[in-house]
Amino acid sequence: MIPTWISVVGVVVTVLSPFLALGGVALGAYLTRKSDRELDVWRHREETMRMVRWAVEQILEGTDAGTDAGVVTLRSLMRSELLQPEDYDLVAALTAAVAIDRVGQAAYAELADEDIEVVEGEGTDG
Protein backbone atom coordinates (compact mmCIF):
# COMPACT_ATOMS: atom_id res chain seq x y z
CA MET A 1 0.00 0.00 0.00
CA ILE A 2 1.21 3.51 -0.85
CA PRO A 3 1.65 5.87 2.10
CA THR A 4 -0.85 8.71 2.31
CA TRP A 5 1.73 11.48 2.14
CA ILE A 6 3.02 10.21 -1.24
CA SER A 7 -0.53 10.29 -2.63
CA VAL A 8 -0.99 13.84 -1.37
CA VAL A 9 2.34 14.96 -2.91
CA GLY A 10 1.36 13.30 -6.21
CA VAL A 11 -2.00 15.11 -6.30
CA VAL A 12 -0.42 18.47 -5.38
CA VAL A 13 2.27 18.11 -8.05
CA THR A 14 -0.33 17.10 -10.63
CA VAL A 15 -2.50 20.11 -9.81
CA LEU A 16 0.34 22.64 -9.54
CA SER A 17 2.38 21.64 -12.60
CA PRO A 18 0.15 23.48 -15.16
CA PHE A 19 0.26 26.62 -12.99
CA LEU A 20 4.04 26.43 -12.75
CA ALA A 21 4.25 26.07 -16.52
CA LEU A 22 1.93 29.05 -16.94
CA GLY A 23 4.11 31.08 -14.59
CA GLY A 24 7.21 30.19 -16.59
CA VAL A 25 5.53 31.22 -19.85
CA ALA A 26 4.34 34.49 -18.30
CA LEU A 27 7.84 35.26 -16.98
CA GLY A 28 9.37 34.52 -20.39
CA ALA A 29 6.84 36.77 -22.13
CA TYR A 30 7.51 39.59 -19.65
CA LEU A 31 11.28 39.38 -20.12
CA THR A 32 10.89 39.30 -23.91
CA ARG A 33 8.64 42.39 -23.90
CA LYS A 34 11.05 44.23 -21.60
CA SER A 35 13.92 43.41 -23.93
CA ASP A 36 11.89 44.55 -26.96
CA ARG A 37 11.12 47.89 -25.30
CA GLU A 38 14.78 48.46 -24.48
CA LEU A 39 15.73 47.62 -28.06
CA ASP A 40 13.07 50.00 -29.37
CA VAL A 41 14.45 52.85 -27.24
CA TRP A 42 17.95 52.07 -28.51
CA ARG A 43 16.75 52.08 -32.14
CA HIS A 44 14.96 55.41 -31.66
CA ARG A 45 18.07 56.92 -30.09
CA GLU A 46 20.29 55.67 -32.92
CA GLU A 47 17.93 57.06 -35.57
CA THR A 48 17.66 60.36 -33.70
CA MET A 49 21.42 60.80 -33.49
CA ARG A 50 21.82 59.85 -37.15
CA MET A 51 19.29 62.52 -38.11
CA VAL A 52 20.95 65.12 -35.85
CA ARG A 53 24.35 64.34 -37.33
CA TRP A 54 23.00 64.67 -40.88
CA ALA A 55 21.20 67.95 -40.10
CA VAL A 56 24.26 69.51 -38.47
CA GLU A 57 26.43 68.45 -41.41
CA GLN A 58 23.95 70.06 -43.79
CA ILE A 59 23.90 73.30 -41.79
CA LEU A 60 27.68 73.45 -41.46
CA GLU A 61 28.12 72.77 -45.17
CA GLY A 62 27.06 76.35 -45.76
CA THR A 63 24.84 76.09 -48.81
CA ASP A 64 21.43 77.74 -48.56
CA ALA A 65 19.55 74.56 -49.47
CA GLY A 66 21.60 72.48 -47.03
CA THR A 67 21.11 74.99 -44.23
CA ASP A 68 17.37 75.10 -44.83
CA ALA A 69 17.17 71.30 -44.92
CA GLY A 70 19.17 70.98 -41.71
CA VAL A 71 17.09 73.54 -39.84
CA VAL A 72 13.83 71.96 -41.01
CA THR A 73 15.11 68.53 -39.96
CA LEU A 74 16.10 69.74 -36.50
CA ARG A 75 12.78 71.56 -36.11
CA SER A 76 10.86 68.44 -37.05
CA LEU A 77 12.98 66.25 -34.82
CA MET A 78 12.42 68.51 -31.81
CA ARG A 79 8.66 67.96 -32.19
CA SER A 80 8.84 64.30 -33.14
CA GLU A 81 7.96 61.30 -31.03
CA LEU A 82 11.23 59.81 -32.21
CA LEU A 83 13.17 62.08 -29.84
CA GLN A 84 13.45 60.48 -26.40
CA PRO A 85 12.78 62.78 -23.41
CA GLU A 86 16.28 62.20 -22.03
CA ASP A 87 17.81 63.30 -25.37
CA TYR A 88 15.75 66.47 -25.70
CA ASP A 89 18.14 68.78 -23.82
CA LEU A 90 21.14 67.61 -25.85
CA VAL A 91 19.36 68.09 -29.19
CA ALA A 92 17.91 71.45 -28.10
CA ALA A 93 21.33 72.78 -27.07
CA LEU A 94 22.93 71.53 -30.26
CA THR A 95 20.12 73.00 -32.34
CA ALA A 96 20.50 76.34 -30.59
CA ALA A 97 24.26 76.45 -31.07
CA VAL A 98 24.19 75.48 -34.73
CA ALA A 99 21.07 77.42 -35.70
CA ILE A 100 22.14 80.67 -34.04
CA ASP A 101 25.61 80.38 -35.57
CA ARG A 102 24.43 79.69 -39.10
CA VAL A 103 20.98 81.17 -39.55
CA GLY A 104 20.90 83.93 -36.95
CA GLN A 105 18.97 84.74 -33.79
CA ALA A 106 15.69 85.58 -35.58
CA ALA A 107 15.54 82.25 -37.40
CA TYR A 108 16.32 80.38 -34.18
CA ALA A 109 13.52 82.24 -32.38
CA GLU A 110 11.21 80.96 -35.10
CA LEU A 111 12.67 77.47 -34.69
CA ALA A 112 11.93 77.48 -30.96
CA ASP A 113 8.31 78.62 -31.43
CA GLU A 114 6.12 75.54 -31.01
CA ASP A 115 2.97 77.10 -32.47
CA ILE A 116 4.37 77.53 -35.97
CA GLU A 117 2.98 75.23 -38.62
CA VAL A 118 5.16 74.31 -41.55
CA VAL A 119 3.23 74.95 -44.76
CA GLU A 120 4.66 73.56 -47.94
CA GLY A 121 3.92 75.31 -51.18
CA GLU A 122 5.44 76.17 -54.50
CA GLY A 123 8.32 78.58 -54.30
CA THR A 124 10.26 80.31 -57.03
CA ASP A 125 11.89 77.01 -58.00
CA GLY A 126 8.58 75.34 -58.86
C-alpha atoms as a PDB file:
ATOM      1  CA  MET A   1       0.000   0.000   0.000  1.00  0.00           C
ATOM      2  CA  ILE A   2       1.211   3.507  -0.852  1.00  0.00           C
ATOM      3  CA  PRO A   3       1.654   5.866   2.102  1.00  0.00           C
ATOM      4  CA  THR A   4      -0.852   8.714   2.311  1.00  0.00           C
ATOM      5  CA  TRP A   5       1.735  11.478   2.137  1.00  0.00           C
ATOM      6  CA  ILE A   6       3.015  10.208  -1.240  1.00  0.00           C
ATOM      7  CA  SER A   7      -0.534  10.286  -2.628  1.00  0.00           C
ATOM      8  CA  VAL A   8      -0.986  13.840  -1.375  1.00  0.00           C
ATOM      9  CA  VAL A   9       2.336  14.955  -2.910  1.00  0.00           C
ATOM     10  CA  GLY A  10       1.359  13.300  -6.212  1.00  0.00           C
ATOM     11  CA  VAL A  11      -1.996  15.110  -6.303  1.00  0.00           C
ATOM     12  CA  VAL A  12      -0.416  18.467  -5.378  1.00  0.00           C
ATOM     13  CA  VAL A  13       2.268  18.113  -8.051  1.00  0.00           C
ATOM     14  CA  THR A  14      -0.334  17.099 -10.628  1.00  0.00           C
ATOM     15  CA  VAL A  15      -2.500  20.111  -9.812  1.00  0.00           C
ATOM     16  CA  LEU A  16       0.344  22.644  -9.537  1.00  0.00           C
ATOM     17  CA  SER A  17       2.380  21.642 -12.605  1.00  0.00           C
ATOM     18  CA  PRO A  18       0.151  23.477 -15.156  1.00  0.00           C
ATOM     19  CA  PHE A  19       0.256  26.622 -12.989  1.00  0.00           C
ATOM     20  CA  LEU A  20       4.043  26.428 -12.748  1.00  0.00           C
ATOM     21  CA  ALA A  21       4.253  26.066 -16.524  1.00  0.00           C
ATOM     22  CA  LEU A  22       1.929  29.053 -16.944  1.00  0.00           C
ATOM     23  CA  GLY A  23       4.106  31.083 -14.591  1.00  0.00           C
ATOM     24  CA  GLY A  24       7.207  30.188 -16.587  1.00  0.00           C
ATOM     25  CA  VAL A  25       5.533  31.216 -19.850  1.00  0.00           C
ATOM     26  CA  ALA A  26       4.338  34.495 -18.301  1.00  0.00           C
ATOM     27  CA  LEU A  27       7.836  35.258 -16.983  1.00  0.00           C
ATOM     28  CA  GLY A  28       9.366  34.522 -20.386  1.00  0.00           C
ATOM     29  CA  ALA A  29       6.835  36.774 -22.132  1.00  0.00           C
ATOM     30  CA  TYR A  30       7.509  39.595 -19.647  1.00  0.00           C
ATOM     31  CA  LEU A  31      11.280  39.380 -20.123  1.00  0.00           C
ATOM     32  CA  THR A  32      10.888  39.297 -23.907  1.00  0.00           C
ATOM     33  CA  ARG A  33       8.644  42.387 -23.900  1.00  0.00           C
ATOM     34  CA  LYS A  34      11.045  44.229 -21.604  1.00  0.00           C
ATOM     35  CA  SER A  35      13.923  43.413 -23.934  1.00  0.00           C
ATOM     36  CA  ASP A  36      11.892  44.550 -26.962  1.00  0.00           C
ATOM     37  CA  ARG A  37      11.117  47.887 -25.299  1.00  0.00           C
ATOM     38  CA  GLU A  38      14.778  48.462 -24.480  1.00  0.00           C
ATOM     39  CA  LEU A  39      15.732  47.616 -28.063  1.00  0.00           C
ATOM     40  CA  ASP A  40      13.073  50.001 -29.371  1.00  0.00           C
ATOM     41  CA  VAL A  41      14.454  52.846 -27.237  1.00  0.00           C
ATOM     42  CA  TRP A  42      17.948  52.068 -28.509  1.00  0.00           C
ATOM     43  CA  ARG A  43      16.752  52.082 -32.139  1.00  0.00           C
ATOM     44  CA  HIS A  44      14.963  55.410 -31.662  1.00  0.00           C
ATOM     45  CA  ARG A  45      18.069  56.923 -30.093  1.00  0.00           C
ATOM     46  CA  GLU A  46      20.293  55.674 -32.917  1.00  0.00           C
ATOM     47  CA  GLU A  47      17.932  57.062 -35.567  1.00  0.00           C
ATOM     48  CA  THR A  48      17.664  60.363 -33.701  1.00  0.00           C
ATOM     49  CA  MET A  49      21.416  60.802 -33.485  1.00  0.00           C
ATOM     50  CA  ARG A  50      21.825  59.853 -37.151  1.00  0.00           C
ATOM     51  CA  MET A  51      19.288  62.523 -38.114  1.00  0.00           C
ATOM     52  CA  VAL A  52      20.945  65.122 -35.848  1.00  0.00           C
ATOM     53  CA  ARG A  53      24.350  64.343 -37.331  1.00  0.00           C
ATOM     54  CA  TRP A  54      23.003  64.672 -40.876  1.00  0.00           C
ATOM     55  CA  ALA A  55      21.197  67.950 -40.101  1.00  0.00           C
ATOM     56  CA  VAL A  56      24.264  69.506 -38.471  1.00  0.00           C
ATOM     57  CA  GLU A  57      26.425  68.446 -41.408  1.00  0.00           C
ATOM     58  CA  GLN A  58      23.949  70.062 -43.785  1.00  0.00           C
ATOM     59  CA  ILE A  59      23.896  73.296 -41.788  1.00  0.00           C
ATOM     60  CA  LEU A  60      27.679  73.447 -41.459  1.00  0.00           C
ATOM     61  CA  GLU A  61      28.124  72.766 -45.171  1.00  0.00           C
ATOM     62  CA  GLY A  62      27.060  76.351 -45.756  1.00  0.00           C
ATOM     63  CA  THR A  63      24.835  76.092 -48.807  1.00  0.00           C
ATOM     64  CA  ASP A  64      21.429  77.737 -48.556  1.00  0.00           C
ATOM     65  CA  ALA A  65      19.547  74.557 -49.466  1.00  0.00           C
ATOM     66  CA  GLY A  66      21.599  72.480 -47.029  1.00  0.00           C
ATOM     67  CA  THR A  67      21.113  74.995 -44.226  1.00  0.00           C
ATOM     68  CA  ASP A  68      17.369  75.100 -44.829  1.00  0.00           C
ATOM     69  CA  ALA A  69      17.167  71.299 -44.924  1.00  0.00           C
ATOM     70  CA  GLY A  70      19.173  70.976 -41.714  1.00  0.00           C
ATOM     71  CA  VAL A  71      17.090  73.540 -39.837  1.00  0.00           C
ATOM     72  CA  VAL A  72      13.826  71.956 -41.006  1.00  0.00           C
ATOM     73  CA  THR A  73      15.112  68.531 -39.963  1.00  0.00           C
ATOM     74  CA  LEU A  74      16.099  69.739 -36.498  1.00  0.00           C
ATOM     75  CA  ARG A  75      12.784  71.564 -36.112  1.00  0.00           C
ATOM     76  CA  SER A  76      10.860  68.442 -37.055  1.00  0.00           C
ATOM     77  CA  LEU A  77      12.976  66.254 -34.818  1.00  0.00           C
ATOM     78  CA  MET A  78      12.421  68.509 -31.808  1.00  0.00           C
ATOM     79  CA  ARG A  79       8.655  67.964 -32.187  1.00  0.00           C
ATOM     80  CA  SER A  80       8.843  64.302 -33.138  1.00  0.00           C
ATOM     81  CA  GLU A  81       7.956  61.298 -31.031  1.00  0.00           C
ATOM     82  CA  LEU A  82      11.226  59.812 -32.214  1.00  0.00           C
ATOM     83  CA  LEU A  83      13.166  62.085 -29.842  1.00  0.00           C
ATOM     84  CA  GLN A  84      13.452  60.484 -26.404  1.00  0.00           C
ATOM     85  CA  PRO A  85      12.781  62.779 -23.415  1.00  0.00           C
ATOM     86  CA  GLU A  86      16.278  62.199 -22.032  1.00  0.00           C
ATOM     87  CA  ASP A  87      17.810  63.298 -25.372  1.00  0.00           C
ATOM     88  CA  TYR A  88      15.747  66.466 -25.704  1.00  0.00           C
ATOM     89  CA  ASP A  89      18.142  68.777 -23.821  1.00  0.00           C
ATOM     90  CA  LEU A  90      21.137  67.613 -25.852  1.00  0.00           C
ATOM     91  CA  VAL A  91      19.359  68.088 -29.188  1.00  0.00           C
ATOM     92  CA  ALA A  92      17.912  71.449 -28.101  1.00  0.00           C
ATOM     93  CA  ALA A  93      21.332  72.783 -27.069  1.00  0.00           C
ATOM     94  CA  LEU A  94      22.931  71.531 -30.258  1.00  0.00           C
ATOM     95  CA  THR A  95      20.124  72.998 -32.335  1.00  0.00           C
ATOM     96  CA  ALA A  96      20.498  76.344 -30.589  1.00  0.00           C
ATOM     97  CA  ALA A  97      24.258  76.450 -31.069  1.00  0.00           C
ATOM     98  CA  VAL A  98      24.186  75.479 -34.729  1.00  0.00           C
ATOM     99  CA  ALA A  99      21.074  77.416 -35.701  1.00  0.00           C
ATOM    100  CA  ILE A 100      22.138  80.665 -34.044  1.00  0.00           C
ATOM    101  CA  ASP A 101      25.613  80.385 -35.574  1.00  0.00           C
ATOM    102  CA  ARG A 102      24.433  79.691 -39.101  1.00  0.00           C
ATOM    103  CA  VAL A 103      20.983  81.173 -39.548  1.00  0.00           C
ATOM    104  CA  GLY A 104      20.903  83.934 -36.945  1.00  0.00           C
ATOM    105  CA  GLN A 105      18.968  84.736 -33.794  1.00  0.00           C
ATOM    106  CA  ALA A 106      15.688  85.581 -35.582  1.00  0.00           C
ATOM    107  CA  ALA A 107      15.539  82.254 -37.400  1.00  0.00           C
ATOM    108  CA  TYR A 108      16.317  80.384 -34.184  1.00  0.00           C
ATOM    109  CA  ALA A 109      13.524  82.238 -32.380  1.00  0.00           C
ATOM    110  CA  GLU A 110      11.211  80.956 -35.104  1.00  0.00           C
ATOM    111  CA  LEU A 111      12.672  77.468 -34.691  1.00  0.00           C
ATOM    112  CA  ALA A 112      11.925  77.481 -30.964  1.00  0.00           C
ATOM    113  CA  ASP A 113       8.306  78.621 -31.434  1.00  0.00           C
ATOM    114  CA  GLU A 114       6.123  75.541 -31.005  1.00  0.00           C
ATOM    115  CA  ASP A 115       2.966  77.104 -32.467  1.00  0.00           C
ATOM    116  CA  ILE A 116       4.368  77.532 -35.967  1.00  0.00           C
ATOM    117  CA  GLU A 117       2.982  75.228 -38.616  1.00  0.00           C
ATOM    118  CA  VAL A 118       5.160  74.315 -41.547  1.00  0.00           C
ATOM    119  CA  VAL A 119       3.234  74.953 -44.758  1.00  0.00           C
ATOM    120  CA  GLU A 120       4.657  73.565 -47.941  1.00  0.00           C
ATOM    121  CA  GLY A 121       3.925  75.308 -51.185  1.00  0.00           C
ATOM    122  CA  GLU A 122       5.441  76.175 -54.496  1.00  0.00           C
ATOM    123  CA  GLY A 123       8.323  78.576 -54.296  1.00  0.00           C
ATOM    124  CA  THR A 124      10.257  80.314 -57.033  1.00  0.00           C
ATOM    125  CA  ASP A 125      11.885  77.008 -57.999  1.00  0.00           C
ATOM    126  CA  GLY A 126       8.580  75.339 -58.858  1.00  0.00           C
END
